[in-house]
Amino acid sequence: MATDSNGKMSREEAGRMGGEQTSKNHDDKFYQEIGKKGGEATSKSHGKEFYEEIGQKGGEARANQNNSGTDKMSKSEAGRKGGEARAEQRNNKN
C-alpha cells in the first residue's frame, strides 16, 4: 500500500482501491448507465463546436499514427467497424 509522509494512504492508492471495489460491486449495466448520464451532461454543457473540435483532434491523432508493422487496424477497417456498430445500434432501437 502506498502511503504519504504521514503514513496515510495516498490519493492514488485510495482511488485505485475504490475503483476496484466499485468494479466488484457493479456490473456492465451500471457503467453503461453512468456513461450515458455523463454523455448527456456533456452534451448539455457543450455545444456543437466542442464535438467538432474533439472529433478534429481525434482524426488528426489517428492520421498521424504509424500502422506499419503493428497490430492496429487500418483507417478503412476502423470506419467499416464503426459504421457496422452504429447500424446495429440503430436497428436495436427499433
N, C-alpha and C. Protein backbone atom coordinates (compact mmCIF):
# COMPACT_ATOMS: atom_id res chain seq x y z
N MET A 1 0.85 -1.18 0.00
CA MET A 1 0.00 0.00 0.00
C MET A 1 0.88 1.23 0.00
N ALA A 2 0.61 2.16 -0.91
CA ALA A 2 1.36 3.41 -0.99
C ALA A 2 0.86 4.37 0.08
N THR A 3 1.81 4.96 0.80
CA THR A 3 1.44 5.91 1.85
C THR A 3 2.19 7.20 1.66
N ASP A 4 1.65 8.29 2.25
CA ASP A 4 2.35 9.57 2.20
C ASP A 4 3.30 9.67 3.39
N SER A 5 3.90 10.84 3.58
CA SER A 5 4.90 11.02 4.64
C SER A 5 4.31 10.88 6.04
N ASN A 6 2.99 10.99 6.18
CA ASN A 6 2.33 10.83 7.48
C ASN A 6 1.85 9.41 7.72
N GLY A 7 2.17 8.53 6.82
CA GLY A 7 1.75 7.14 6.95
C GLY A 7 0.33 6.88 6.50
N LYS A 8 -0.29 7.87 5.87
CA LYS A 8 -1.66 7.71 5.39
C LYS A 8 -1.65 7.21 3.94
N MET A 9 -2.75 6.60 3.56
CA MET A 9 -2.90 6.11 2.19
C MET A 9 -2.88 7.29 1.22
N SER A 10 -2.18 7.12 0.10
CA SER A 10 -2.13 8.18 -0.92
C SER A 10 -3.47 8.27 -1.65
N ARG A 11 -3.71 9.40 -2.28
CA ARG A 11 -4.93 9.56 -3.07
C ARG A 11 -4.97 8.55 -4.20
N GLU A 12 -3.81 8.33 -4.79
CA GLU A 12 -3.73 7.37 -5.89
C GLU A 12 -4.14 5.98 -5.43
N GLU A 13 -3.61 5.57 -4.28
CA GLU A 13 -3.94 4.25 -3.75
C GLU A 13 -5.41 4.16 -3.36
N ALA A 14 -5.93 5.20 -2.73
CA ALA A 14 -7.34 5.21 -2.33
C ALA A 14 -8.24 5.14 -3.56
N GLY A 15 -7.89 5.88 -4.61
CA GLY A 15 -8.66 5.85 -5.84
C GLY A 15 -8.64 4.49 -6.50
N ARG A 16 -7.45 3.88 -6.51
CA ARG A 16 -7.32 2.54 -7.10
C ARG A 16 -8.17 1.54 -6.34
N MET A 17 -8.08 1.58 -5.02
CA MET A 17 -8.83 0.63 -4.20
C MET A 17 -10.34 0.87 -4.33
N GLY A 18 -10.74 2.13 -4.37
CA GLY A 18 -12.16 2.44 -4.55
C GLY A 18 -12.67 1.95 -5.89
N GLY A 19 -11.87 2.15 -6.93
CA GLY A 19 -12.25 1.68 -8.26
C GLY A 19 -12.38 0.17 -8.32
N GLU A 20 -11.46 -0.52 -7.67
CA GLU A 20 -11.52 -1.98 -7.64
C GLU A 20 -12.77 -2.46 -6.92
N GLN A 21 -13.09 -1.83 -5.79
CA GLN A 21 -14.27 -2.22 -5.03
C GLN A 21 -15.55 -1.93 -5.82
N THR A 22 -15.58 -0.79 -6.49
CA THR A 22 -16.74 -0.44 -7.30
C THR A 22 -16.93 -1.46 -8.41
N SER A 23 -15.84 -1.87 -9.04
CA SER A 23 -15.97 -2.85 -10.13
C SER A 23 -16.45 -4.21 -9.63
N LYS A 24 -16.17 -4.52 -8.38
CA LYS A 24 -16.66 -5.78 -7.80
C LYS A 24 -18.15 -5.69 -7.47
N ASN A 25 -18.62 -4.48 -7.14
CA ASN A 25 -20.00 -4.29 -6.70
C ASN A 25 -20.99 -4.01 -7.83
N HIS A 26 -20.49 -3.66 -9.01
CA HIS A 26 -21.38 -3.25 -10.10
C HIS A 26 -21.06 -4.02 -11.38
N ASP A 27 -22.10 -4.16 -12.21
CA ASP A 27 -21.94 -4.88 -13.47
C ASP A 27 -21.81 -3.91 -14.64
N ASP A 28 -21.77 -4.46 -15.85
CA ASP A 28 -21.62 -3.64 -17.05
C ASP A 28 -22.75 -2.62 -17.21
N LYS A 29 -23.95 -3.02 -16.82
CA LYS A 29 -25.10 -2.13 -16.96
C LYS A 29 -24.89 -0.84 -16.16
N PHE A 30 -24.34 -0.96 -14.96
CA PHE A 30 -24.04 0.21 -14.14
C PHE A 30 -23.13 1.18 -14.89
N TYR A 31 -22.07 0.66 -15.45
CA TYR A 31 -21.12 1.52 -16.17
C TYR A 31 -21.73 2.11 -17.43
N GLN A 32 -22.60 1.36 -18.10
CA GLN A 32 -23.31 1.89 -19.27
C GLN A 32 -24.22 3.05 -18.87
N GLU A 33 -24.91 2.90 -17.74
CA GLU A 33 -25.82 3.95 -17.28
C GLU A 33 -25.06 5.21 -16.89
N ILE A 34 -23.96 5.06 -16.15
CA ILE A 34 -23.23 6.27 -15.74
C ILE A 34 -22.53 6.91 -16.94
N GLY A 35 -22.13 6.10 -17.90
CA GLY A 35 -21.55 6.64 -19.13
C GLY A 35 -22.57 7.43 -19.92
N LYS A 36 -23.78 6.92 -19.98
CA LYS A 36 -24.86 7.61 -20.69
C LYS A 36 -25.18 8.93 -20.00
N LYS A 37 -25.28 8.90 -18.66
CA LYS A 37 -25.55 10.13 -17.91
C LYS A 37 -24.45 11.16 -18.14
N GLY A 38 -23.21 10.70 -18.13
CA GLY A 38 -22.09 11.61 -18.37
C GLY A 38 -22.12 12.20 -19.76
N GLY A 39 -22.46 11.39 -20.73
CA GLY A 39 -22.56 11.86 -22.11
C GLY A 39 -23.68 12.88 -22.27
N GLU A 40 -24.81 12.62 -21.61
CA GLU A 40 -25.92 13.57 -21.69
C GLU A 40 -25.57 14.89 -21.02
N ALA A 41 -24.89 14.82 -19.87
CA ALA A 41 -24.48 16.04 -19.17
C ALA A 41 -23.48 16.83 -20.01
N THR A 42 -22.57 16.12 -20.65
CA THR A 42 -21.58 16.79 -21.51
C THR A 42 -22.27 17.46 -22.69
N SER A 43 -23.23 16.78 -23.29
CA SER A 43 -23.91 17.37 -24.44
C SER A 43 -24.73 18.60 -24.06
N LYS A 44 -25.21 18.64 -22.82
CA LYS A 44 -25.96 19.82 -22.36
C LYS A 44 -25.03 21.00 -22.09
N SER A 45 -23.82 20.71 -21.64
CA SER A 45 -22.92 21.80 -21.24
C SER A 45 -21.98 22.24 -22.36
N HIS A 46 -21.90 21.47 -23.45
CA HIS A 46 -21.02 21.82 -24.56
C HIS A 46 -21.81 21.86 -25.86
N GLY A 47 -21.45 22.77 -26.71
CA GLY A 47 -22.14 22.92 -27.98
C GLY A 47 -21.52 22.10 -29.09
N LYS A 48 -22.03 22.32 -30.27
CA LYS A 48 -21.59 21.61 -31.47
C LYS A 48 -20.09 21.79 -31.70
N GLU A 49 -19.59 22.99 -31.41
CA GLU A 49 -18.17 23.30 -31.64
C GLU A 49 -17.25 22.39 -30.82
N PHE A 50 -17.67 22.06 -29.60
CA PHE A 50 -16.89 21.18 -28.74
C PHE A 50 -16.69 19.82 -29.41
N TYR A 51 -17.77 19.26 -29.92
CA TYR A 51 -17.69 17.95 -30.56
C TYR A 51 -16.91 18.01 -31.87
N GLU A 52 -17.05 19.11 -32.59
CA GLU A 52 -16.27 19.27 -33.81
C GLU A 52 -14.78 19.31 -33.48
N GLU A 53 -14.44 20.03 -32.41
CA GLU A 53 -13.03 20.16 -32.02
C GLU A 53 -12.43 18.82 -31.59
N ILE A 54 -13.16 18.08 -30.73
CA ILE A 54 -12.58 16.81 -30.29
C ILE A 54 -12.55 15.79 -31.42
N GLY A 55 -13.52 15.87 -32.32
CA GLY A 55 -13.50 15.00 -33.50
C GLY A 55 -12.32 15.30 -34.40
N GLN A 56 -12.05 16.58 -34.58
CA GLN A 56 -10.90 17.00 -35.39
C GLN A 56 -9.60 16.52 -34.76
N LYS A 57 -9.47 16.71 -33.45
CA LYS A 57 -8.25 16.26 -32.76
C LYS A 57 -8.06 14.76 -32.85
N GLY A 58 -9.16 14.02 -32.67
CA GLY A 58 -9.08 12.56 -32.78
C GLY A 58 -8.70 12.11 -34.17
N GLY A 59 -9.28 12.77 -35.17
CA GLY A 59 -8.95 12.44 -36.56
C GLY A 59 -7.50 12.72 -36.88
N GLU A 60 -7.00 13.85 -36.39
CA GLU A 60 -5.60 14.19 -36.63
C GLU A 60 -4.68 13.20 -35.93
N ALA A 61 -5.00 12.85 -34.69
CA ALA A 61 -4.17 11.89 -33.96
C ALA A 61 -4.16 10.54 -34.67
N ARG A 62 -5.32 10.13 -35.16
CA ARG A 62 -5.43 8.84 -35.85
C ARG A 62 -4.64 8.87 -37.16
N ALA A 63 -4.71 9.99 -37.86
CA ALA A 63 -3.99 10.12 -39.13
C ALA A 63 -2.48 10.12 -38.92
N ASN A 64 -2.03 10.59 -37.78
CA ASN A 64 -0.60 10.66 -37.50
C ASN A 64 -0.02 9.36 -36.97
N GLN A 65 -0.85 8.37 -36.69
CA GLN A 65 -0.35 7.10 -36.20
C GLN A 65 0.33 6.34 -37.32
N ASN A 66 1.40 5.66 -36.97
CA ASN A 66 2.12 4.83 -37.94
C ASN A 66 1.67 3.39 -37.75
N ASN A 67 0.98 2.85 -38.73
CA ASN A 67 0.44 1.49 -38.62
C ASN A 67 1.35 0.42 -39.20
N SER A 68 2.48 0.81 -39.76
CA SER A 68 3.33 -0.20 -40.39
C SER A 68 3.95 -1.11 -39.33
N GLY A 69 3.74 -2.40 -39.50
CA GLY A 69 4.33 -3.39 -38.61
C GLY A 69 3.65 -3.48 -37.26
N THR A 70 2.43 -2.99 -37.12
CA THR A 70 1.73 -3.09 -35.84
C THR A 70 0.44 -3.87 -36.03
N ASP A 71 -0.21 -4.13 -34.92
CA ASP A 71 -1.48 -4.84 -34.95
C ASP A 71 -2.67 -3.88 -35.03
N LYS A 72 -2.42 -2.60 -35.18
CA LYS A 72 -3.50 -1.62 -35.21
C LYS A 72 -4.27 -1.76 -36.52
N MET A 73 -5.58 -1.53 -36.44
CA MET A 73 -6.40 -1.66 -37.64
C MET A 73 -6.24 -0.45 -38.54
N SER A 74 -6.49 -0.65 -39.80
CA SER A 74 -6.39 0.43 -40.78
C SER A 74 -7.55 1.40 -40.60
N LYS A 75 -7.42 2.57 -41.20
CA LYS A 75 -8.49 3.57 -41.14
C LYS A 75 -9.76 3.05 -41.78
N SER A 76 -9.61 2.36 -42.90
CA SER A 76 -10.80 1.85 -43.58
C SER A 76 -11.49 0.77 -42.75
N GLU A 77 -10.70 -0.07 -42.09
CA GLU A 77 -11.29 -1.11 -41.24
C GLU A 77 -11.99 -0.47 -40.04
N ALA A 78 -11.36 0.54 -39.44
CA ALA A 78 -11.98 1.24 -38.31
C ALA A 78 -13.29 1.89 -38.73
N GLY A 79 -13.31 2.50 -39.90
CA GLY A 79 -14.53 3.11 -40.41
C GLY A 79 -15.62 2.10 -40.66
N ARG A 80 -15.23 0.98 -41.23
CA ARG A 80 -16.20 -0.08 -41.52
C ARG A 80 -16.80 -0.61 -40.22
N LYS A 81 -15.95 -0.90 -39.23
CA LYS A 81 -16.42 -1.42 -37.96
C LYS A 81 -17.31 -0.40 -37.25
N GLY A 82 -16.92 0.85 -37.30
CA GLY A 82 -17.73 1.89 -36.68
C GLY A 82 -19.09 2.01 -37.33
N GLY A 83 -19.12 1.95 -38.65
CA GLY A 83 -20.39 2.00 -39.37
C GLY A 83 -21.28 0.82 -39.05
N GLU A 84 -20.69 -0.36 -38.97
CA GLU A 84 -21.47 -1.55 -38.63
C GLU A 84 -22.03 -1.44 -37.22
N ALA A 85 -21.22 -0.98 -36.28
CA ALA A 85 -21.68 -0.84 -34.90
C ALA A 85 -22.80 0.17 -34.80
N ARG A 86 -22.68 1.27 -35.51
CA ARG A 86 -23.71 2.31 -35.49
C ARG A 86 -25.00 1.80 -36.12
N ALA A 87 -24.90 1.06 -37.20
CA ALA A 87 -26.08 0.50 -37.84
C ALA A 87 -26.78 -0.48 -36.89
N GLU A 88 -26.00 -1.27 -36.18
CA GLU A 88 -26.56 -2.22 -35.22
C GLU A 88 -27.28 -1.48 -34.09
N GLN A 89 -26.70 -0.38 -33.62
CA GLN A 89 -27.35 0.43 -32.58
C GLN A 89 -28.69 0.95 -33.06
N ARG A 90 -28.73 1.45 -34.27
CA ARG A 90 -29.99 1.97 -34.82
C ARG A 90 -31.02 0.86 -34.95
N ASN A 91 -30.58 -0.31 -35.40
CA ASN A 91 -31.52 -1.44 -35.57
C ASN A 91 -32.06 -1.93 -34.24
N ASN A 92 -31.26 -1.86 -33.18
CA ASN A 92 -31.71 -2.32 -31.87
C ASN A 92 -32.69 -1.36 -31.22
N LYS A 93 -32.73 -0.12 -31.65
CA LYS A 93 -33.67 0.86 -31.08
C LYS A 93 -35.07 0.69 -31.67
N ASN A 94 -35.16 0.03 -32.80
CA ASN A 94 -36.46 -0.14 -33.47
C ASN A 94 -37.17 -1.37 -33.00
